[in-house]
Amino acid sequence: MAERKATSFDIAAKAGVSQSTVSRALRDSPLVNPETRARVQAIARELNYQVDRTASSLRTGNTRTLALLLFEDAPEAASPINPFFLSMLGSITKACSAHEYDLLVSFQHPEEDWYARYEEAHRADGLILLGYGDYVSAHPTLQRLADSGAHWVIWGPRLNFEHGICVGSDNALGGYLATRHLLQQGRGKIAFLGCNSEQAPEFADRYRGYGDALREARLAADPDLQVYAESFEESGADAVASLLDAGLEFDALVCASDLIAIGAMHYLQDKGIDVPGDVAIVGFDDIQAAAYCSPALTTVRQDVKRAGETLVNLLLELIESGDETSRLLKPELIVRESCGS
């Protein structure tokens, strides 16, 4: 006679907890205290317990699949994906795997009625949204998603919806750290390259932190030294070119993304302007290329590993318990050669 397989009820009986607690503990849910999680997981290993995903899905009605929807608003279809989001995709995939969830990945466009295709069609238990930087244009679509009662999380600043969770970096703090570092290096004419409008709240918060650091140093932000730029290298080059063409004096750049910073750096170097001797530069994101350009780029790091794990963990908690708790993650200044010594 074949040996009977252990069940979650066997684990519950031996651990002295409920079956639902066992289920949460085996998914590393933070709703279960660490000691109980460790005890349940140890008993599961002792009993050689394996989760039957098919049976679990049939019992709960869950697909054990999450959908990651990447919004792409690049002007050209062949434009590369922002490397920051590629790094985030990797961390989200690993976090899903750790919870034994599959991940669907799709590109979305503003005119598509995509929100009805996934959770409502039972293709995924919840949605992760990346790249929705223009919150003014995206708001009607996101509001429909919220009204549908779907489970979803978005990378970005806190939004005013009844459903959904926002996870993002403290962008104002990042802009402040970048600007303060340049001030401490003796730079006094610091320009900001990036958008400063409600349509790009993350960039606007970085600009706000830039202004806070200047005011702390008793300097006024010069509006002529704030130049619109989107997160493309070409846009960074165009922005710094406009400063040079206008004859404006500057000895440092705070850039709202690494792609903007790298584009600006290459343009300055092509014009014979030394980086960091003549102009020091700080970016934002810490994409992989930041450490390998020349000079290596000082930047504000957004912890993509922690971000991916947080997005997945909070979405699973939302699916399981309905709890909604947005998170603001602290960025870190990474000092490299583009600011000098």
Protein backbone atom coordinates (compact mmCIF):
# COMPACT_ATOMS: atom_id res chain seq x y z
CA MET A 1 0.00 0.00 0.00
CA ALA A 2 1.34 3.41 -0.97
CA GLU A 3 2.26 5.69 1.91
CA ARG A 4 -0.30 8.44 2.46
CA LYS A 5 0.92 11.90 1.50
CA ALA A 6 1.03 14.51 4.22
CA THR A 7 -1.54 17.29 3.99
CA SER A 8 -1.65 20.85 5.26
CA PHE A 9 -4.08 19.62 7.96
CA ASP A 10 -1.39 17.21 9.21
CA ILE A 11 1.02 20.12 9.49
CA ALA A 12 -1.61 22.23 11.24
CA ALA A 13 -2.29 19.49 13.80
CA LYS A 14 1.39 19.00 14.56
CA ALA A 15 2.12 22.75 14.74
CA GLY A 16 -0.97 23.53 16.77
CA VAL A 17 -2.25 26.15 14.33
CA SER A 18 -5.10 26.44 11.83
CA GLN A 19 -4.88 25.14 8.26
CA SER A 20 -5.18 28.71 6.95
CA THR A 21 -2.17 29.70 9.07
CA VAL A 22 -0.23 26.81 7.53
CA SER A 23 -1.17 28.05 4.06
CA ARG A 24 0.01 31.56 4.87
CA ALA A 25 3.21 30.35 6.54
CA LEU A 26 4.17 28.23 3.54
CA ARG A 27 3.81 31.36 1.36
CA ASP A 28 6.04 33.36 3.75
CA SER A 29 3.14 35.68 4.51
CA PRO A 30 4.08 38.50 6.93
CA LEU A 31 0.64 38.00 8.52
CA VAL A 32 2.19 35.01 10.32
CA ASN A 33 4.84 35.80 12.93
CA PRO A 34 8.39 34.63 12.08
CA GLU A 35 8.54 31.99 14.82
CA THR A 36 5.31 30.32 13.67
CA ARG A 37 6.38 30.49 10.01
CA ALA A 38 9.69 28.82 10.83
CA ARG A 39 7.97 26.08 12.89
CA VAL A 40 5.39 25.35 10.19
CA GLN A 41 8.01 25.25 7.44
CA ALA A 42 10.23 22.94 9.49
CA ILE A 43 7.32 20.52 10.03
CA ALA A 44 6.49 20.66 6.32
CA ARG A 45 10.05 19.63 5.49
CA GLU A 46 9.96 16.91 8.13
CA LEU A 47 6.77 15.47 6.61
CA ASN A 48 8.11 15.91 3.05
CA TYR A 49 5.05 18.02 2.26
CA GLN A 50 4.66 19.35 -1.29
CA VAL A 51 2.03 21.91 -2.28
CA ASP A 52 -0.40 20.54 -4.89
CA ARG A 53 -0.79 23.70 -6.97
CA THR A 54 -3.52 22.26 -9.17
CA ALA A 55 -5.67 21.19 -6.25
CA SER A 56 -5.03 24.47 -4.49
CA SER A 57 -6.09 26.44 -7.55
CA LEU A 58 -9.29 24.41 -7.95
CA ARG A 59 -10.12 24.77 -4.28
CA THR A 60 -9.53 28.52 -4.04
CA GLY A 61 -10.45 29.60 -7.56
CA ASN A 62 -7.03 31.24 -7.88
CA THR A 63 -4.82 30.90 -10.95
CA ARG A 64 -1.56 31.29 -8.97
CA THR A 65 -0.56 33.69 -11.72
CA LEU A 66 0.14 37.41 -11.55
CA ALA A 67 0.18 39.74 -14.56
CA LEU A 68 2.80 42.45 -14.99
CA LEU A 69 1.57 45.19 -17.32
CA LEU A 70 4.30 47.49 -18.61
CA PHE A 71 3.04 50.75 -20.02
CA GLU A 72 5.05 51.85 -23.06
CA ASP A 73 4.65 55.42 -24.25
CA ALA A 74 7.88 55.70 -26.27
CA PRO A 75 7.41 57.74 -29.45
CA GLU A 76 8.89 55.00 -31.62
CA ALA A 77 7.79 51.38 -31.57
CA ALA A 78 11.41 50.25 -31.74
CA SER A 79 12.50 52.38 -28.76
CA PRO A 80 14.28 50.30 -26.11
CA ILE A 81 12.66 49.60 -22.76
CA ASN A 82 13.96 51.69 -19.89
CA PRO A 83 16.69 49.51 -18.28
CA PHE A 84 15.31 50.39 -14.85
CA PHE A 85 12.08 48.55 -15.65
CA LEU A 86 14.01 45.58 -17.04
CA SER A 87 15.80 45.30 -13.69
CA MET A 88 12.47 45.59 -11.89
CA LEU A 89 11.03 42.85 -14.12
CA GLY A 90 13.84 40.53 -13.05
CA SER A 91 13.25 41.13 -9.35
CA ILE A 92 9.48 40.69 -9.71
CA THR A 93 9.95 37.41 -11.58
CA LYS A 94 12.21 36.07 -8.82
CA ALA A 95 9.76 37.17 -6.12
CA CYS A 96 6.89 35.42 -7.92
CA SER A 97 8.96 32.26 -8.23
CA ALA A 98 9.71 32.32 -4.51
CA HIS A 99 5.95 32.26 -3.85
CA GLU A 100 5.41 29.59 -6.53
CA TYR A 101 3.46 32.00 -8.73
CA ASP A 102 3.73 32.32 -12.49
CA LEU A 103 4.09 35.73 -14.12
CA LEU A 104 2.44 36.98 -17.30
CA VAL A 105 4.15 39.99 -18.90
CA SER A 106 2.46 42.30 -21.38
CA PHE A 107 2.99 45.72 -22.94
CA GLN A 108 0.04 48.08 -22.70
CA HIS A 109 -1.02 51.26 -24.47
CA PRO A 110 -3.40 53.94 -23.18
CA GLU A 111 -6.15 53.25 -25.71
CA GLU A 112 -6.41 49.55 -24.82
CA ASP A 113 -9.12 48.27 -22.49
CA TRP A 114 -6.56 45.92 -20.98
CA TYR A 115 -7.79 45.82 -17.42
CA ALA A 116 -10.69 43.53 -18.36
CA ARG A 117 -8.42 40.93 -19.93
CA TYR A 118 -6.66 39.58 -16.89
CA GLU A 119 -8.27 39.30 -13.48
CA GLU A 120 -11.83 39.66 -14.83
CA ALA A 121 -11.13 36.90 -17.37
CA HIS A 122 -9.49 34.76 -14.64
CA ARG A 123 -6.11 34.86 -16.38
CA ALA A 124 -4.42 36.30 -13.29
CA ASP A 125 -5.17 36.79 -9.61
CA GLY A 126 -3.73 40.30 -9.54
CA LEU A 127 -1.94 42.96 -11.56
CA ILE A 128 1.40 44.76 -11.21
CA LEU A 129 1.66 48.02 -13.16
CA LEU A 130 5.00 49.50 -14.23
CA GLY A 131 5.86 52.57 -16.26
CA TYR A 132 2.66 54.52 -15.73
CA GLY A 133 4.53 57.79 -15.24
CA ASP A 134 1.98 60.12 -16.87
CA TYR A 135 -0.67 59.78 -14.18
CA VAL A 136 -2.86 62.54 -15.60
CA SER A 137 -3.36 60.73 -18.92
CA ALA A 138 -3.52 57.29 -17.30
CA HIS A 139 -5.91 58.31 -14.53
CA PRO A 140 -9.21 57.41 -16.29
CA THR A 141 -7.96 53.92 -17.13
CA LEU A 142 -6.57 53.38 -13.63
CA GLN A 143 -9.83 54.62 -12.14
CA ARG A 144 -11.78 52.05 -14.18
CA LEU A 145 -9.41 49.40 -12.90
CA ALA A 146 -10.01 50.56 -9.31
CA ASP A 147 -13.77 50.64 -9.82
CA SER A 148 -13.71 47.07 -11.16
CA GLY A 149 -12.55 45.80 -7.77
CA ALA A 150 -9.43 44.20 -9.21
CA HIS A 151 -6.40 43.47 -7.06
CA TRP A 152 -3.49 45.59 -8.24
CA VAL A 153 -0.30 47.36 -7.23
CA ILE A 154 1.50 50.13 -9.08
CA TRP A 155 5.08 51.35 -8.96
CA GLY A 156 4.96 55.10 -8.33
CA PRO A 157 3.65 57.75 -5.95
CA ARG A 158 0.49 57.33 -3.88
CA LEU A 159 -2.68 57.71 -5.95
CA ASN A 160 -6.20 58.46 -4.79
CA PHE A 161 -8.04 55.23 -5.58
CA GLU A 162 -10.26 53.10 -3.39
CA HIS A 163 -8.45 49.93 -4.45
CA GLY A 164 -4.86 49.18 -5.25
CA ILE A 165 -1.52 49.72 -3.58
CA CYS A 166 1.29 52.07 -4.54
CA VAL A 167 4.95 51.22 -3.95
CA GLY A 168 7.60 53.78 -4.80
CA SER A 169 10.79 55.54 -3.80
CA ASP A 170 11.00 58.68 -1.71
CA ASN A 171 11.80 60.76 -4.79
CA ALA A 172 11.98 64.07 -2.92
CA LEU A 173 14.61 62.61 -0.61
CA GLY A 174 16.56 61.31 -3.61
CA GLY A 175 16.57 64.73 -5.29
CA TYR A 176 17.66 66.30 -2.02
CA LEU A 177 20.54 63.83 -1.52
CA ALA A 178 21.81 64.37 -5.07
CA THR A 179 21.75 68.17 -4.80
CA ARG A 180 23.19 68.31 -1.31
CA HIS A 181 26.13 66.17 -2.42
CA LEU A 182 26.89 68.55 -5.29
CA LEU A 183 26.68 71.52 -2.95
CA GLN A 184 29.09 69.80 -0.57
CA GLN A 185 31.47 69.39 -3.53
CA GLY A 186 31.48 73.17 -3.93
CA ARG A 187 29.12 73.37 -6.91
CA GLY A 188 26.93 76.47 -6.88
CA LYS A 189 25.26 76.64 -10.32
CA ILE A 190 23.28 73.42 -10.36
CA ALA A 191 20.81 72.75 -13.18
CA PHE A 192 17.98 70.22 -13.09
CA LEU A 193 17.17 68.15 -16.17
CA GLY A 194 13.73 66.58 -16.05
CA CYS A 195 10.02 67.30 -16.13
CA ASN A 196 8.45 69.34 -13.33
CA SER A 197 4.70 68.92 -13.74
CA GLU A 198 1.76 66.98 -12.33
CA GLN A 199 1.95 64.67 -15.35
CA ALA A 200 5.28 63.33 -14.05
CA PRO A 201 4.93 63.33 -10.24
CA GLU A 202 8.06 61.24 -9.65
CA PHE A 203 10.24 63.71 -11.58
CA ALA A 204 8.41 66.61 -9.93
CA ASP A 205 9.19 65.20 -6.48
CA ARG A 206 12.86 64.88 -7.44
CA TYR A 207 12.79 68.53 -8.49
CA ARG A 208 11.18 69.41 -5.16
CA GLY A 209 14.02 67.70 -3.28
CA TYR A 210 16.49 69.60 -5.49
CA GLY A 211 14.84 72.87 -4.45
CA ASP A 212 14.81 71.86 -0.78
CA ALA A 213 18.58 71.31 -0.80
CA LEU A 214 19.21 74.64 -2.51
CA ARG A 215 17.03 76.49 0.01
CA GLU A 216 18.81 74.74 2.87
CA ALA A 217 22.05 76.18 1.42
CA ARG A 218 20.35 79.60 1.13
CA LEU A 219 20.35 79.45 -2.64
CA ALA A 220 17.37 80.12 -4.87
CA ALA A 221 16.38 77.68 -7.60
CA ASP A 222 16.88 79.43 -10.94
CA PRO A 223 13.90 78.57 -13.21
CA ASP A 224 16.15 78.98 -16.26
CA LEU A 225 18.25 76.09 -14.98
CA GLN A 226 15.31 73.68 -14.95
CA VAL A 227 15.02 72.12 -18.41
CA TYR A 228 12.36 69.67 -19.55
CA ALA A 229 13.67 66.19 -20.31
CA GLU A 230 12.10 62.74 -20.66
CA SER A 231 13.84 59.53 -19.67
CA PHE A 232 15.79 59.00 -22.90
CA GLU A 233 19.47 59.65 -23.62
CA GLU A 234 18.54 61.85 -26.59
CA SER A 235 16.34 63.98 -24.35
CA GLY A 236 19.19 64.47 -21.87
CA ALA A 237 21.49 65.55 -24.70
CA ASP A 238 18.88 67.99 -26.02
CA ALA A 239 18.30 69.45 -22.56
CA VAL A 240 21.94 70.21 -21.83
CA ALA A 241 22.37 71.54 -25.39
CA SER A 242 19.61 74.06 -24.71
CA LEU A 243 21.47 75.29 -21.62
CA LEU A 244 24.67 75.76 -23.63
CA ASP A 245 22.85 77.40 -26.54
CA ALA A 246 21.24 79.88 -24.14
CA GLY A 247 24.65 80.81 -22.72
CA LEU A 248 23.60 79.86 -19.19
CA GLU A 249 26.30 79.15 -16.63
CA PHE A 250 26.18 75.86 -14.73
CA ASP A 251 28.76 73.67 -13.03
CA ALA A 252 26.60 70.68 -12.14
CA LEU A 253 23.54 68.72 -13.28
CA VAL A 254 20.95 66.89 -11.25
CA CYS A 255 19.23 64.58 -13.73
CA ALA A 256 15.83 63.00 -13.11
CA SER A 257 17.04 59.65 -14.50
CA ASP A 258 20.28 57.90 -15.39
CA LEU A 259 19.34 57.85 -19.08
CA ILE A 260 19.01 61.65 -19.04
CA ALA A 261 22.34 61.91 -17.20
CA ILE A 262 24.19 59.62 -19.61
CA GLY A 263 22.84 61.49 -22.62
CA ALA A 264 23.86 64.83 -21.12
CA MET A 265 27.32 63.50 -20.22
CA HIS A 266 28.02 62.26 -23.74
CA TYR A 267 26.89 65.57 -25.24
CA LEU A 268 29.15 67.60 -22.93
CA GLN A 269 32.11 65.36 -23.68
CA ASP A 270 31.50 65.67 -27.42
CA LYS A 271 31.68 69.46 -26.95
CA GLY A 272 35.00 69.22 -25.13
CA ILE A 273 33.50 69.97 -21.71
CA ASP A 274 35.14 67.93 -18.96
CA VAL A 275 33.04 65.78 -16.66
CA PRO A 276 33.44 66.21 -13.72
CA GLY A 277 36.08 68.96 -13.98
CA ASP A 278 33.80 71.53 -15.62
CA VAL A 279 30.41 69.97 -14.91
CA ALA A 280 29.59 67.37 -12.24
CA ILE A 281 26.60 65.08 -12.87
CA VAL A 282 24.25 63.03 -10.70
CA GLY A 283 21.63 60.68 -12.13
CA PHE A 284 18.72 58.75 -10.63
CA ASP A 285 17.90 54.99 -10.69
CA ASP A 286 21.35 53.28 -10.72
CA ILE A 287 20.78 51.28 -13.88
CA GLN A 288 23.59 48.87 -14.75
CA ALA A 289 25.11 51.23 -17.33
CA ALA A 290 25.64 53.90 -14.65
CA ALA A 291 28.63 52.05 -13.19
CA TYR A 292 30.22 51.40 -16.59
CA CYS A 293 30.03 54.73 -18.42
CA SER A 294 33.10 56.96 -18.31
CA PRO A 295 33.32 58.56 -15.86
CA ALA A 296 31.16 56.24 -13.78
CA LEU A 297 27.93 57.98 -12.85
CA THR A 298 27.08 59.14 -9.36
CA THR A 299 23.40 58.35 -8.94
CA VAL A 300 20.49 57.86 -6.58
CA ARG A 301 19.84 54.15 -6.29
CA GLN A 302 16.33 52.74 -6.22
CA ASP A 303 16.58 49.26 -4.71
CA VAL A 304 14.93 47.18 -7.45
CA LYS A 305 15.33 43.90 -5.53
CA ARG A 306 13.46 45.24 -2.54
CA ALA A 307 10.97 46.99 -4.81
CA GLY A 308 10.11 43.82 -6.71
CA GLU A 309 9.74 41.79 -3.54
CA THR A 310 7.54 44.48 -1.97
CA LEU A 311 5.27 44.75 -5.01
CA VAL A 312 4.69 41.00 -5.10
CA ASN A 313 4.34 40.53 -1.33
CA LEU A 314 1.84 43.37 -0.97
CA LEU A 315 -0.19 42.21 -3.96
CA LEU A 316 -0.45 38.70 -2.50
CA GLU A 317 -1.54 40.15 0.84
CA LEU A 318 -4.15 42.25 -0.96
CA ILE A 319 -5.45 39.15 -2.76
CA GLU A 320 -5.52 37.13 0.44
CA SER A 321 -6.79 39.59 3.03
CA GLY A 322 -7.87 42.77 1.26
CA ASP A 323 -5.37 44.84 3.23
CA GLU A 324 -4.11 47.94 1.42
CA THR A 325 -0.85 49.44 2.68
CA SER A 326 1.22 51.54 0.31
CA ARG A 327 4.98 51.69 0.87
CA LEU A 328 7.60 54.39 0.33
CA LEU A 329 11.12 52.99 -0.04
CA LYS A 330 14.22 54.97 0.93
CA PRO A 331 16.72 55.62 -1.88
CA GLU A 332 20.50 55.71 -1.49
CA LEU A 333 23.13 58.01 -3.00
CA ILE A 334 25.86 56.04 -4.80
CA VAL A 335 28.95 58.23 -5.25
CA ARG A 336 31.13 57.59 -8.30
CA GLU A 337 33.53 59.56 -10.49
CA SER A 338 31.08 61.89 -12.28
CA CYS A 339 31.12 64.21 -9.27
CA GLY A 340 34.87 64.21 -8.77
CA SER A 341 36.46 63.38 -5.44
